[in-house]
Amino acid sequence: MEGRRPIGATRGAYALASPGGARPLERATGPPVARRGAIVSRCRSALGKIGEDLACRELERRGYAILARRYRRHGGELDIVARDGATVAFIEVKARLAQTFGAAAEAVGGVKRRRMARVALDYLTRHRLAGSPCRFDVVAVEFKQGRPVVEVFQNAFDVPLWP
């Protein structure tokens, strides 16, 4: 059984086998160490939530009525669905702490646009809004010197909804 743990052994209970065979290890004490990726993922999720909250506040200030947040369906998600007058706006929120990877507004590429269009079509059909005018907006939230700067780009891109 060299180089392997016994079946049913708890993770970390045995070291890789040395030439003399498997030897038990002392259990580590204290809190488990989080992987770097998990920490980054949690920070990114928190930043996204803060960005969506700020975007909703700005949109409501501009007269939008928020219909849904984080509308998820197979194949994608819409951050915010809102009504601006008679128009249904499907809104992607991009929050950035720094412009290391480019501006927030530039981060919505072709694949994301097509996914948004598919989920938007699903939203329109499920809520019987197929005849309503609609558009895709992007809200960019950038933190400059610790203060949020919220920018709304109406009709940021066009994607055909109906085949």
Protein backbone atom coordinates (compact mmCIF):
# COMPACT_ATOMS: atom_id res chain seq x y z
CA MET A 1 0.00 0.00 0.00
CA GLU A 2 2.90 2.30 -0.68
CA GLY A 3 2.08 5.87 -1.65
CA ARG A 4 -1.65 5.62 -0.86
CA ARG A 5 -4.00 6.14 2.03
CA PRO A 6 -6.01 3.22 3.31
CA ILE A 7 -9.60 3.18 2.03
CA GLY A 8 -11.84 4.98 4.50
CA ALA A 9 -8.99 6.86 6.15
CA THR A 10 -9.79 10.43 6.95
CA ARG A 11 -8.07 13.05 4.86
CA GLY A 12 -4.76 13.96 6.36
CA ALA A 13 -4.68 11.00 8.73
CA TYR A 14 -1.74 9.32 7.01
CA ALA A 15 1.28 10.66 5.21
CA LEU A 16 2.31 9.32 1.86
CA ALA A 17 3.94 6.05 2.52
CA SER A 18 7.64 6.06 2.99
CA PRO A 19 9.64 3.03 1.99
CA GLY A 20 8.87 1.65 5.44
CA GLY A 21 5.09 1.84 4.92
CA ALA A 22 2.33 4.26 5.91
CA ARG A 23 2.78 6.06 9.18
CA PRO A 24 0.10 7.93 11.12
CA LEU A 25 0.38 11.71 11.39
CA GLU A 26 -0.58 13.91 14.26
CA ARG A 27 -3.73 15.86 13.51
CA ALA A 28 -3.29 19.55 12.90
CA THR A 29 -5.02 21.77 15.40
CA GLY A 30 -6.62 25.15 14.83
CA PRO A 31 -8.93 26.40 12.10
CA PRO A 32 -8.60 24.90 8.65
CA VAL A 33 -6.50 26.95 6.26
CA ALA A 34 -8.60 28.38 3.43
CA ARG A 35 -7.33 28.07 -0.09
CA ARG A 36 -6.31 31.33 -1.72
CA GLY A 37 -8.86 30.80 -4.52
CA ALA A 38 -11.72 30.45 -2.06
CA ILE A 39 -10.76 33.71 -0.34
CA VAL A 40 -10.52 35.56 -3.65
CA SER A 41 -13.87 34.12 -4.72
CA ARG A 42 -15.55 35.30 -1.50
CA CYS A 43 -14.05 38.78 -1.88
CA ARG A 44 -15.19 38.95 -5.49
CA SER A 45 -18.71 37.87 -4.50
CA ALA A 46 -18.83 40.51 -1.77
CA LEU A 47 -17.62 43.16 -4.21
CA GLY A 48 -20.29 42.09 -6.71
CA LYS A 49 -23.01 42.32 -4.07
CA ILE A 50 -21.86 45.79 -3.01
CA GLY A 51 -21.74 46.84 -6.67
CA GLU A 52 -25.29 45.58 -7.28
CA ASP A 53 -26.58 47.39 -4.18
CA LEU A 54 -24.99 50.66 -5.34
CA ALA A 55 -26.30 50.13 -8.88
CA CYS A 56 -29.85 49.55 -7.62
CA ARG A 57 -29.70 52.73 -5.55
CA GLU A 58 -28.51 54.76 -8.54
CA LEU A 59 -31.10 53.23 -10.87
CA GLU A 60 -33.92 53.91 -8.42
CA ARG A 61 -32.66 57.48 -8.05
CA ARG A 62 -32.96 57.79 -11.84
CA GLY A 63 -36.55 56.52 -11.79
CA TYR A 64 -36.09 52.84 -12.67
CA ALA A 65 -38.36 50.31 -11.00
CA ILE A 66 -36.40 47.20 -9.99
CA LEU A 67 -38.28 44.07 -11.10
CA ALA A 68 -35.71 41.38 -10.22
CA ARG A 69 -32.19 40.93 -8.92
CA ARG A 70 -29.93 38.01 -9.71
CA TYR A 71 -32.40 36.37 -12.06
CA ARG A 72 -30.82 32.98 -12.74
CA ARG A 73 -31.67 30.40 -15.32
CA HIS A 74 -29.77 27.57 -16.92
CA GLY A 75 -26.96 29.12 -18.91
CA GLY A 76 -26.73 32.53 -17.28
CA GLU A 77 -27.78 35.26 -14.92
CA LEU A 78 -29.12 38.80 -15.16
CA ASP A 79 -27.83 41.01 -12.37
CA ILE A 80 -30.79 43.39 -12.43
CA VAL A 81 -34.03 43.51 -14.39
CA ALA A 82 -35.72 46.92 -14.20
CA ARG A 83 -38.41 48.94 -15.87
CA ASP A 84 -37.53 52.38 -17.20
CA GLY A 85 -40.88 53.80 -18.24
CA ALA A 86 -42.34 51.27 -20.69
CA THR A 87 -38.93 49.73 -21.46
CA VAL A 88 -37.61 46.63 -19.74
CA ALA A 89 -33.90 47.05 -19.03
CA PHE A 90 -31.63 44.05 -18.51
CA ILE A 91 -28.67 45.33 -16.55
CA GLU A 92 -25.20 43.92 -16.09
CA VAL A 93 -23.27 45.34 -13.14
CA LYS A 94 -19.49 45.41 -13.24
CA ALA A 95 -17.64 46.47 -10.09
CA ARG A 96 -13.90 47.08 -9.99
CA LEU A 97 -11.56 48.07 -7.19
CA ALA A 98 -8.87 49.05 -9.70
CA GLN A 99 -8.46 49.27 -13.45
CA THR A 100 -5.75 46.62 -13.55
CA PHE A 101 -7.79 44.48 -15.94
CA GLY A 102 -9.47 47.39 -17.73
CA ALA A 103 -12.46 49.56 -17.03
CA ALA A 104 -15.60 47.97 -15.66
CA ALA A 105 -17.74 49.02 -18.61
CA GLU A 106 -15.41 47.25 -21.07
CA ALA A 107 -15.77 43.89 -19.33
CA VAL A 108 -18.99 42.76 -21.05
CA GLY A 109 -17.79 40.69 -24.01
CA GLY A 110 -19.60 38.87 -26.77
CA VAL A 111 -20.13 35.61 -24.89
CA LYS A 112 -21.63 37.45 -21.91
CA ARG A 113 -23.89 39.45 -24.23
CA ARG A 114 -25.25 36.31 -25.89
CA ARG A 115 -25.84 34.67 -22.50
CA MET A 116 -27.66 37.75 -21.28
CA ALA A 117 -29.82 37.73 -24.43
CA ARG A 118 -30.82 34.08 -23.85
CA VAL A 119 -31.73 34.70 -20.21
CA ALA A 120 -33.52 37.95 -21.13
CA LEU A 121 -35.63 36.08 -23.66
CA ASP A 122 -36.48 33.55 -20.94
CA TYR A 123 -37.47 36.37 -18.58
CA LEU A 124 -39.66 38.05 -21.20
CA THR A 125 -41.49 34.84 -22.07
CA ARG A 126 -41.99 33.69 -18.45
CA HIS A 127 -43.36 37.08 -17.41
CA ARG A 128 -45.46 37.54 -20.57
CA LEU A 129 -43.57 40.68 -21.62
CA ALA A 130 -42.72 39.54 -25.15
CA GLY A 131 -44.24 42.66 -26.75
CA SER A 132 -42.45 45.12 -24.45
CA PRO A 133 -39.55 47.23 -25.71
CA CYS A 134 -36.31 46.22 -24.05
CA ARG A 135 -32.65 47.15 -23.94
CA PHE A 136 -29.38 46.10 -22.34
CA ASP A 137 -27.66 48.50 -19.94
CA VAL A 138 -24.35 48.26 -18.15
CA VAL A 139 -23.68 49.83 -14.77
CA ALA A 140 -20.01 50.34 -13.98
CA VAL A 141 -19.03 50.74 -10.34
CA GLU A 142 -15.44 51.75 -9.80
CA PHE A 143 -13.85 52.60 -6.50
CA LYS A 144 -11.56 55.59 -6.80
CA GLN A 145 -9.70 56.57 -3.64
CA GLY A 146 -12.11 54.41 -1.64
CA ARG A 147 -15.25 56.13 -2.96
CA PRO A 148 -17.67 54.46 -5.38
CA VAL A 149 -18.24 56.07 -8.76
CA VAL A 150 -21.38 54.71 -10.45
CA GLU A 151 -21.85 55.16 -14.19
CA VAL A 152 -24.91 53.98 -16.13
CA PHE A 153 -24.58 53.16 -19.84
CA GLN A 154 -28.06 52.93 -21.33
CA ASN A 155 -28.51 50.76 -24.40
CA ALA A 156 -24.88 49.67 -24.05
CA PHE A 157 -25.16 46.97 -26.72
CA ASP A 158 -27.61 45.40 -29.14
CA VAL A 159 -28.27 41.68 -29.27
CA PRO A 160 -31.07 40.16 -31.34
CA LEU A 161 -33.53 38.47 -28.97
CA TRP A 162 -35.83 36.82 -31.46
CA PRO A 163 -34.43 34.28 -33.91
